[in-house]
Amino acid sequence: MVNSSLGHAQEERKSSDDYRISKGRYYGSMTFSLTSRLAENENQLLRQVIDQNRFTYRIVGNGGYAVKDNLALGMLLGYGRQGEDITFVDENGENVTSKRVQQGLSIAPNMRNYIPIGNGQLQILVQTELNVTFGESLQRTFLASDIEKKEGDFIDLNLGVSPGMVLFFDRHWAFETTVGIAGFSTRIEEEVTNGDIENRQRIVTTGIDLRINLLQLNLGVAYYF
């Protein structure tokens, strides 16, 4: 009986120290990112900024299933918001104030590769995803003799890779961090100025960025079961 109990305890301890992302495990995570910028009396290339207040935040939920050891397929849902209030001197020497806000909902099927270090309590995470964001924007620019209002709707498509780290507290709970995505992106946007729908603008922007954005840091907590 004593030997049986001791063997069971050892097996339980071994199980709790097993951090492997083995086939059949599920995970769920919640991450958050926030960036902000404040500036006063700054020379920004073509304009002199008197005052600037910019912020961006994003909340993301992600869940998935390990289809094989150290490889999981998942789905991401997110919400992001950006805002900027800025006053600057234009090329005519006049003060211009602009207020802009943008928000969007994202969905992204993704694939996660885990590379364990040592016993696997610390793991390198490489997430590849196809992200689709549907959003809207509103900007009001207060000129010396007029107020300009721009309303826009956009779709962002991003295919890229986001590296990061996973640190397990125990077999189930972990801290996750990832950085900005590097890859291919396309933005399709329609913009209407002062309600003039007939003369709406359609802008398509495509680019490839292979740089990893270390300033876009996503922090979160995950649960593996």
C-alpha atoms as a PDB file:
ATOM      1  CA  MET A   1       0.000   0.000   0.000  1.00  0.00           C
ATOM      2  CA  VAL A   2       2.855   2.392   0.890  1.00  0.00           C
ATOM      3  CA  ASN A   3       4.715   1.536  -2.319  1.00  0.00           C
ATOM      4  CA  SER A   4       1.537   2.009  -4.344  1.00  0.00           C
ATOM      5  CA  SER A   5       0.870   5.416  -2.798  1.00  0.00           C
ATOM      6  CA  LEU A   6       4.467   6.506  -3.328  1.00  0.00           C
ATOM      7  CA  GLY A   7       4.379   5.397  -6.965  1.00  0.00           C
ATOM      8  CA  HIS A   8       1.129   7.297  -7.517  1.00  0.00           C
ATOM      9  CA  ALA A   9       2.620  10.465  -5.992  1.00  0.00           C
ATOM     10  CA  GLN A  10       5.700  10.234  -8.190  1.00  0.00           C
ATOM     11  CA  GLU A  11       3.533   9.735 -11.275  1.00  0.00           C
ATOM     12  CA  GLU A  12       1.399  12.748 -10.264  1.00  0.00           C
ATOM     13  CA  ARG A  13       4.499  14.905  -9.825  1.00  0.00           C
ATOM     14  CA  LYS A  14       5.918  13.821 -13.149  1.00  0.00           C
ATOM     15  CA  SER A  15       2.619  14.651 -14.847  1.00  0.00           C
ATOM     16  CA  SER A  16       2.543  18.148 -13.323  1.00  0.00           C
ATOM     17  CA  ASP A  17       6.074  18.807 -14.621  1.00  0.00           C
ATOM     18  CA  ASP A  18       5.211  17.717 -18.156  1.00  0.00           C
ATOM     19  CA  TYR A  19       4.963  20.966 -20.148  1.00  0.00           C
ATOM     20  CA  ARG A  20       4.979  19.392 -23.589  1.00  0.00           C
ATOM     21  CA  ILE A  21       2.419  20.534 -26.146  1.00  0.00           C
ATOM     22  CA  SER A  22       1.507  16.989 -27.072  1.00  0.00           C
ATOM     23  CA  LYS A  23      -1.111  15.906 -29.590  1.00  0.00           C
ATOM     24  CA  GLY A  24      -4.640  16.259 -28.228  1.00  0.00           C
ATOM     25  CA  ARG A  25      -4.059  19.252 -25.924  1.00  0.00           C
ATOM     26  CA  TYR A  26      -6.253  22.348 -26.150  1.00  0.00           C
ATOM     27  CA  TYR A  27      -5.341  25.913 -25.278  1.00  0.00           C
ATOM     28  CA  GLY A  28      -7.027  29.251 -24.761  1.00  0.00           C
ATOM     29  CA  SER A  29      -5.281  32.604 -24.354  1.00  0.00           C
ATOM     30  CA  MET A  30      -6.034  36.281 -23.871  1.00  0.00           C
ATOM     31  CA  THR A  31      -3.485  38.935 -24.855  1.00  0.00           C
ATOM     32  CA  PHE A  32      -3.384  42.706 -24.636  1.00  0.00           C
ATOM     33  CA  SER A  33      -1.191  45.375 -26.202  1.00  0.00           C
ATOM     34  CA  LEU A  34      -1.038  49.130 -25.625  1.00  0.00           C
ATOM     35  CA  THR A  35       1.117  51.866 -27.145  1.00  0.00           C
ATOM     36  CA  SER A  36       0.913  55.613 -26.627  1.00  0.00           C
ATOM     37  CA  ARG A  37       2.826  58.690 -27.732  1.00  0.00           C
ATOM     38  CA  LEU A  38       2.879  62.229 -26.371  1.00  0.00           C
ATOM     39  CA  ALA A  39       4.809  65.006 -28.112  1.00  0.00           C
ATOM     40  CA  GLU A  40       5.149  68.780 -27.775  1.00  0.00           C
ATOM     41  CA  ASN A  41       6.951  71.263 -30.038  1.00  0.00           C
ATOM     42  CA  GLU A  42       8.413  68.529 -32.231  1.00  0.00           C
ATOM     43  CA  ASN A  43       9.687  68.977 -35.773  1.00  0.00           C
ATOM     44  CA  GLN A  44       8.199  66.087 -37.807  1.00  0.00           C
ATOM     45  CA  LEU A  45       9.745  66.437 -41.271  1.00  0.00           C
ATOM     46  CA  LEU A  46       7.097  68.492 -43.140  1.00  0.00           C
ATOM     47  CA  ARG A  47       5.319  69.992 -40.143  1.00  0.00           C
ATOM     48  CA  GLN A  48       5.963  71.490 -36.747  1.00  0.00           C
ATOM     49  CA  VAL A  49       3.893  69.687 -34.129  1.00  0.00           C
ATOM     50  CA  ILE A  50       2.628  71.813 -31.280  1.00  0.00           C
ATOM     51  CA  ASP A  51       0.908  69.006 -29.384  1.00  0.00           C
ATOM     52  CA  GLN A  52       0.257  65.317 -30.153  1.00  0.00           C
ATOM     53  CA  ASN A  53      -1.489  62.565 -28.206  1.00  0.00           C
ATOM     54  CA  ARG A  54      -1.685  59.149 -29.885  1.00  0.00           C
ATOM     55  CA  PHE A  55      -2.745  55.753 -28.526  1.00  0.00           C
ATOM     56  CA  THR A  56      -3.363  52.228 -29.803  1.00  0.00           C
ATOM     57  CA  TYR A  57      -4.686  49.211 -27.929  1.00  0.00           C
ATOM     58  CA  ARG A  58      -5.747  45.705 -28.925  1.00  0.00           C
ATOM     59  CA  ILE A  59      -7.435  42.823 -27.087  1.00  0.00           C
ATOM     60  CA  VAL A  60      -7.164  39.336 -28.568  1.00  0.00           C
ATOM     61  CA  GLY A  61      -8.626  35.951 -27.669  1.00  0.00           C
ATOM     62  CA  ASN A  62      -7.085  32.852 -29.201  1.00  0.00           C
ATOM     63  CA  GLY A  63      -7.932  29.162 -28.898  1.00  0.00           C
ATOM     64  CA  GLY A  64      -6.849  25.964 -30.580  1.00  0.00           C
ATOM     65  CA  TYR A  65      -5.946  22.283 -30.604  1.00  0.00           C
ATOM     66  CA  ALA A  66      -2.623  20.450 -30.958  1.00  0.00           C
ATOM     67  CA  VAL A  67      -2.926  18.282 -34.067  1.00  0.00           C
ATOM     68  CA  LYS A  68       0.529  16.810 -33.390  1.00  0.00           C
ATOM     69  CA  ASP A  69       3.310  17.299 -30.877  1.00  0.00           C
ATOM     70  CA  ASN A  70       4.437  20.952 -30.733  1.00  0.00           C
ATOM     71  CA  LEU A  71       2.018  21.988 -33.497  1.00  0.00           C
ATOM     72  CA  ALA A  72      -1.424  23.521 -32.899  1.00  0.00           C
ATOM     73  CA  LEU A  73      -4.134  24.980 -35.128  1.00  0.00           C
ATOM     74  CA  GLY A  74      -6.282  27.761 -33.749  1.00  0.00           C
ATOM     75  CA  MET A  75      -8.597  30.703 -34.322  1.00  0.00           C
ATOM     76  CA  LEU A  76      -8.066  34.286 -33.159  1.00  0.00           C
ATOM     77  CA  LEU A  77     -10.678  36.963 -32.466  1.00  0.00           C
ATOM     78  CA  GLY A  78      -9.640  40.517 -31.661  1.00  0.00           C
ATOM     79  CA  TYR A  79     -10.696  44.125 -31.224  1.00  0.00           C
ATOM     80  CA  GLY A  80      -8.432  47.130 -31.722  1.00  0.00           C
ATOM     81  CA  ARG A  81      -8.792  50.892 -31.413  1.00  0.00           C
ATOM     82  CA  GLN A  82      -6.544  53.807 -32.381  1.00  0.00           C
ATOM     83  CA  GLY A  83      -6.889  57.484 -31.654  1.00  0.00           C
ATOM     84  CA  GLU A  84      -4.929  60.676 -32.237  1.00  0.00           C
ATOM     85  CA  ASP A  85      -5.376  64.322 -31.271  1.00  0.00           C
ATOM     86  CA  ILE A  86      -2.808  66.595 -32.893  1.00  0.00           C
ATOM     87  CA  THR A  87      -2.217  70.300 -33.402  1.00  0.00           C
ATOM     88  CA  PHE A  88       0.455  71.371 -35.883  1.00  0.00           C
ATOM     89  CA  VAL A  89       1.576  74.270 -38.083  1.00  0.00           C
ATOM     90  CA  ASP A  90       0.913  73.635 -41.785  1.00  0.00           C
ATOM     91  CA  GLU A  91       2.933  74.846 -44.796  1.00  0.00           C
ATOM     92  CA  ASN A  92       1.039  78.172 -44.742  1.00  0.00           C
ATOM     93  CA  GLY A  93       2.019  78.863 -41.166  1.00  0.00           C
ATOM     94  CA  GLU A  94      -1.511  78.252 -39.820  1.00  0.00           C
ATOM     95  CA  ASN A  95      -2.414  76.125 -36.830  1.00  0.00           C
ATOM     96  CA  VAL A  96      -4.399  72.987 -37.714  1.00  0.00           C
ATOM     97  CA  THR A  97      -6.071  70.648 -35.226  1.00  0.00           C
ATOM     98  CA  SER A  98      -7.017  67.083 -36.201  1.00  0.00           C
ATOM     99  CA  LYS A  99      -8.873  64.421 -34.233  1.00  0.00           C
ATOM    100  CA  ARG A 100      -8.936  60.874 -35.559  1.00  0.00           C
ATOM    101  CA  VAL A 101     -10.285  57.556 -34.273  1.00  0.00           C
ATOM    102  CA  GLN A 102     -10.231  54.088 -35.853  1.00  0.00           C
ATOM    103  CA  GLN A 103     -11.533  50.730 -34.656  1.00  0.00           C
ATOM    104  CA  GLY A 104     -11.715  47.232 -36.087  1.00  0.00           C
ATOM    105  CA  LEU A 105     -12.704  43.614 -35.467  1.00  0.00           C
ATOM    106  CA  SER A 106     -10.296  40.839 -36.473  1.00  0.00           C
ATOM    107  CA  ILE A 107     -10.535  37.131 -37.194  1.00  0.00           C
ATOM    108  CA  ALA A 108      -7.496  35.000 -37.945  1.00  0.00           C
ATOM    109  CA  PRO A 109      -7.005  31.260 -38.432  1.00  0.00           C
ATOM    110  CA  ASN A 110      -3.493  30.455 -37.275  1.00  0.00           C
ATOM    111  CA  MET A 111      -0.857  27.777 -36.793  1.00  0.00           C
ATOM    112  CA  ARG A 112       1.421  27.620 -33.758  1.00  0.00           C
ATOM    113  CA  ASN A 113       4.825  25.936 -33.651  1.00  0.00           C
ATOM    114  CA  TYR A 114       6.368  25.352 -30.217  1.00  0.00           C
ATOM    115  CA  ILE A 115      10.106  24.840 -29.682  1.00  0.00           C
ATOM    116  CA  PRO A 116      10.748  23.668 -26.102  1.00  0.00           C
ATOM    117  CA  ILE A 117      13.900  24.733 -24.276  1.00  0.00           C
ATOM    118  CA  GLY A 118      15.227  22.262 -21.708  1.00  0.00           C
ATOM    119  CA  ASN A 119      12.318  20.565 -19.951  1.00  0.00           C
ATOM    120  CA  GLY A 120       9.844  22.725 -21.888  1.00  0.00           C
ATOM    121  CA  GLN A 121       8.856  25.120 -19.107  1.00  0.00           C
ATOM    122  CA  LEU A 122      10.148  27.866 -21.403  1.00  0.00           C
ATOM    123  CA  GLN A 123       9.264  27.520 -25.092  1.00  0.00           C
ATOM    124  CA  ILE A 124       9.798  29.548 -28.236  1.00  0.00           C
ATOM    125  CA  LEU A 125       6.502  30.235 -30.002  1.00  0.00           C
ATOM    126  CA  VAL A 126       6.175  30.945 -33.735  1.00  0.00           C
ATOM    127  CA  GLN A 127       2.631  31.827 -34.812  1.00  0.00           C
ATOM    128  CA  THR A 128       1.704  32.038 -38.508  1.00  0.00           C
ATOM    129  CA  GLU A 129      -1.668  33.617 -39.214  1.00  0.00           C
ATOM    130  CA  LEU A 130      -3.973  34.991 -41.881  1.00  0.00           C
ATOM    131  CA  ASN A 131      -5.621  38.002 -40.269  1.00  0.00           C
ATOM    132  CA  VAL A 132      -8.701  39.750 -41.663  1.00  0.00           C
ATOM    133  CA  THR A 133      -9.803  43.014 -40.020  1.00  0.00           C
ATOM    134  CA  PHE A 134     -13.038  44.894 -40.745  1.00  0.00           C
ATOM    135  CA  GLY A 135     -13.041  48.446 -39.450  1.00  0.00           C
ATOM    136  CA  GLU A 136     -14.088  52.068 -39.679  1.00  0.00           C
ATOM    137  CA  SER A 137     -12.446  55.435 -39.135  1.00  0.00           C
ATOM    138  CA  LEU A 138     -13.493  59.027 -38.505  1.00  0.00           C
ATOM    139  CA  GLN A 139     -11.327  62.139 -38.763  1.00  0.00           C
ATOM    140  CA  ARG A 140     -12.206  65.781 -38.163  1.00  0.00           C
ATOM    141  CA  THR A 141      -9.723  68.465 -39.188  1.00  0.00           C
ATOM    142  CA  PHE A 142     -10.299  71.991 -37.874  1.00  0.00           C
ATOM    143  CA  LEU A 143      -8.859  74.476 -40.376  1.00  0.00           C
ATOM    144  CA  ALA A 144      -8.686  78.246 -40.073  1.00  0.00           C
ATOM    145  CA  SER A 145     -11.923  78.782 -42.033  1.00  0.00           C
ATOM    146  CA  ASP A 146     -13.483  75.317 -42.334  1.00  0.00           C
ATOM    147  CA  ILE A 147     -14.004  71.915 -40.717  1.00  0.00           C
ATOM    148  CA  GLU A 148     -13.221  68.840 -42.806  1.00  0.00           C
ATOM    149  CA  LYS A 149     -14.821  65.492 -41.924  1.00  0.00           C
ATOM    150  CA  LYS A 150     -13.576  62.203 -43.347  1.00  0.00           C
ATOM    151  CA  GLU A 151     -15.358  58.874 -42.792  1.00  0.00           C
ATOM    152  CA  GLY A 152     -13.882  55.595 -43.910  1.00  0.00           C
ATOM    153  CA  ASP A 153     -14.458  51.846 -44.006  1.00  0.00           C
ATOM    154  CA  PHE A 154     -11.589  49.440 -44.514  1.00  0.00           C
ATOM    155  CA  ILE A 155     -10.543  45.809 -44.772  1.00  0.00           C
ATOM    156  CA  ASP A 156      -7.040  44.757 -43.750  1.00  0.00           C
ATOM    157  CA  LEU A 157      -5.549  41.443 -44.903  1.00  0.00           C
ATOM    158  CA  ASN A 158      -2.320  40.296 -43.244  1.00  0.00           C
ATOM    159  CA  LEU A 159      -0.413  37.078 -43.787  1.00  0.00           C
ATOM    160  CA  GLY A 160       2.586  36.886 -41.534  1.00  0.00           C
ATOM    161  CA  VAL A 161       4.664  35.375 -38.766  1.00  0.00           C
ATOM    162  CA  SER A 162       4.750  36.521 -35.160  1.00  0.00           C
ATOM    163  CA  PRO A 163       7.469  35.085 -32.865  1.00  0.00           C
ATOM    164  CA  GLY A 164       7.248  34.973 -29.100  1.00  0.00           C
ATOM    165  CA  MET A 165       7.836  33.057 -25.873  1.00  0.00           C
ATOM    166  CA  VAL A 166       5.726  30.872 -23.565  1.00  0.00           C
ATOM    167  CA  LEU A 167       6.628  30.487 -19.878  1.00  0.00           C
ATOM    168  CA  PHE A 168       4.679  27.825 -17.950  1.00  0.00           C
ATOM    169  CA  PHE A 169       3.880  28.367 -14.264  1.00  0.00           C
ATOM    170  CA  ASP A 170       2.649  24.771 -14.079  1.00  0.00           C
ATOM    171  CA  ARG A 171       1.359  22.261 -16.629  1.00  0.00           C
ATOM    172  CA  HIS A 172      -1.746  24.327 -17.378  1.00  0.00           C
ATOM    173  CA  TRP A 173      -1.100  28.039 -16.790  1.00  0.00           C
ATOM    174  CA  ALA A 174       1.396  30.008 -18.872  1.00  0.00           C
ATOM    175  CA  PHE A 175       2.512  33.561 -19.607  1.00  0.00           C
ATOM    176  CA  GLU A 176       2.768  34.425 -23.308  1.00  0.00           C
ATOM    177  CA  THR A 177       4.393  37.285 -25.172  1.00  0.00           C
ATOM    178  CA  THR A 178       4.605  37.921 -28.932  1.00  0.00           C
ATOM    179  CA  VAL A 179       5.846  40.798 -31.076  1.00  0.00           C
ATOM    180  CA  GLY A 180       4.510  42.507 -34.202  1.00  0.00           C
ATOM    181  CA  ILE A 181       3.834  40.478 -37.319  1.00  0.00           C
ATOM    182  CA  ALA A 182       6.234  40.467 -40.272  1.00  0.00           C
ATOM    183  CA  GLY A 183       4.819  39.522 -43.654  1.00  0.00           C
ATOM    184  CA  PHE A 184       2.454  40.533 -46.472  1.00  0.00           C
ATOM    185  CA  SER A 185      -0.377  43.043 -46.010  1.00  0.00           C
ATOM    186  CA  THR A 186      -3.135  44.627 -48.101  1.00  0.00           C
ATOM    187  CA  ARG A 187      -5.505  47.417 -47.067  1.00  0.00           C
ATOM    188  CA  ILE A 188      -8.665  48.296 -49.016  1.00  0.00           C
ATOM    189  CA  GLU A 189     -10.272  51.534 -47.859  1.00  0.00           C
ATOM    190  CA  GLU A 190     -13.152  53.733 -48.986  1.00  0.00           C
ATOM    191  CA  GLU A 191     -13.209  57.313 -47.730  1.00  0.00           C
ATOM    192  CA  VAL A 192     -15.922  59.980 -47.901  1.00  0.00           C
ATOM    193  CA  THR A 193     -15.142  63.666 -47.303  1.00  0.00           C
ATOM    194  CA  ASN A 194     -17.836  65.958 -45.874  1.00  0.00           C
ATOM    195  CA  GLY A 195     -20.596  63.511 -46.803  1.00  0.00           C
ATOM    196  CA  ASP A 196     -19.871  63.684 -50.559  1.00  0.00           C
ATOM    197  CA  ILE A 197     -20.662  60.030 -51.333  1.00  0.00           C
ATOM    198  CA  GLU A 198     -20.557  60.457 -55.119  1.00  0.00           C
ATOM    199  CA  ASN A 199     -16.878  61.451 -54.940  1.00  0.00           C
ATOM    200  CA  ARG A 200     -15.795  58.817 -52.459  1.00  0.00           C
ATOM    201  CA  GLN A 201     -12.171  57.718 -52.652  1.00  0.00           C
ATOM    202  CA  ARG A 202     -11.034  54.109 -52.893  1.00  0.00           C
ATOM    203  CA  ILE A 203      -7.478  53.386 -51.791  1.00  0.00           C
ATOM    204  CA  VAL A 204      -5.661  50.051 -52.034  1.00  0.00           C
ATOM    205  CA  THR A 205      -2.305  49.728 -50.263  1.00  0.00           C
ATOM    206  CA  THR A 206      -0.139  46.616 -50.518  1.00  0.00           C
ATOM    207  CA  GLY A 207       3.212  45.969 -48.910  1.00  0.00           C
ATOM    208  CA  ILE A 208       5.731  43.436 -47.676  1.00  0.00           C
ATOM    209  CA  ASP A 209       7.452  44.073 -44.366  1.00  0.00           C
ATOM    210  CA  LEU A 210      10.001  41.520 -43.191  1.00  0.00           C
ATOM    211  CA  ARG A 211      10.954  43.438 -40.054  1.00  0.00           C
ATOM    212  CA  ILE A 212       9.891  42.188 -36.635  1.00  0.00           C
ATOM    213  CA  ASN A 213       8.305  45.081 -34.734  1.00  0.00           C
ATOM    214  CA  LEU A 214       9.730  44.771 -31.219  1.00  0.00           C
ATOM    215  CA  LEU A 215       7.804  47.865 -30.119  1.00  0.00           C
ATOM    216  CA  GLN A 216       4.476  46.108 -30.712  1.00  0.00           C
ATOM    217  CA  LEU A 217       4.570  43.806 -27.711  1.00  0.00           C
ATOM    218  CA  ASN A 218       1.579  41.598 -26.877  1.00  0.00           C
ATOM    219  CA  LEU A 219       1.328  40.265 -23.332  1.00  0.00           C
ATOM    220  CA  GLY A 220      -1.132  37.635 -22.154  1.00  0.00           C
ATOM    221  CA  VAL A 221      -2.064  34.597 -20.113  1.00  0.00           C
ATOM    222  CA  ALA A 222      -2.898  31.165 -21.538  1.00  0.00           C
ATOM    223  CA  TYR A 223      -4.464  27.983 -20.191  1.00  0.00           C
ATOM    224  CA  TYR A 224      -3.513  24.563 -21.626  1.00  0.00           C
ATOM    225  CA  PHE A 225      -5.628  21.477 -20.955  1.00  0.00           C
END
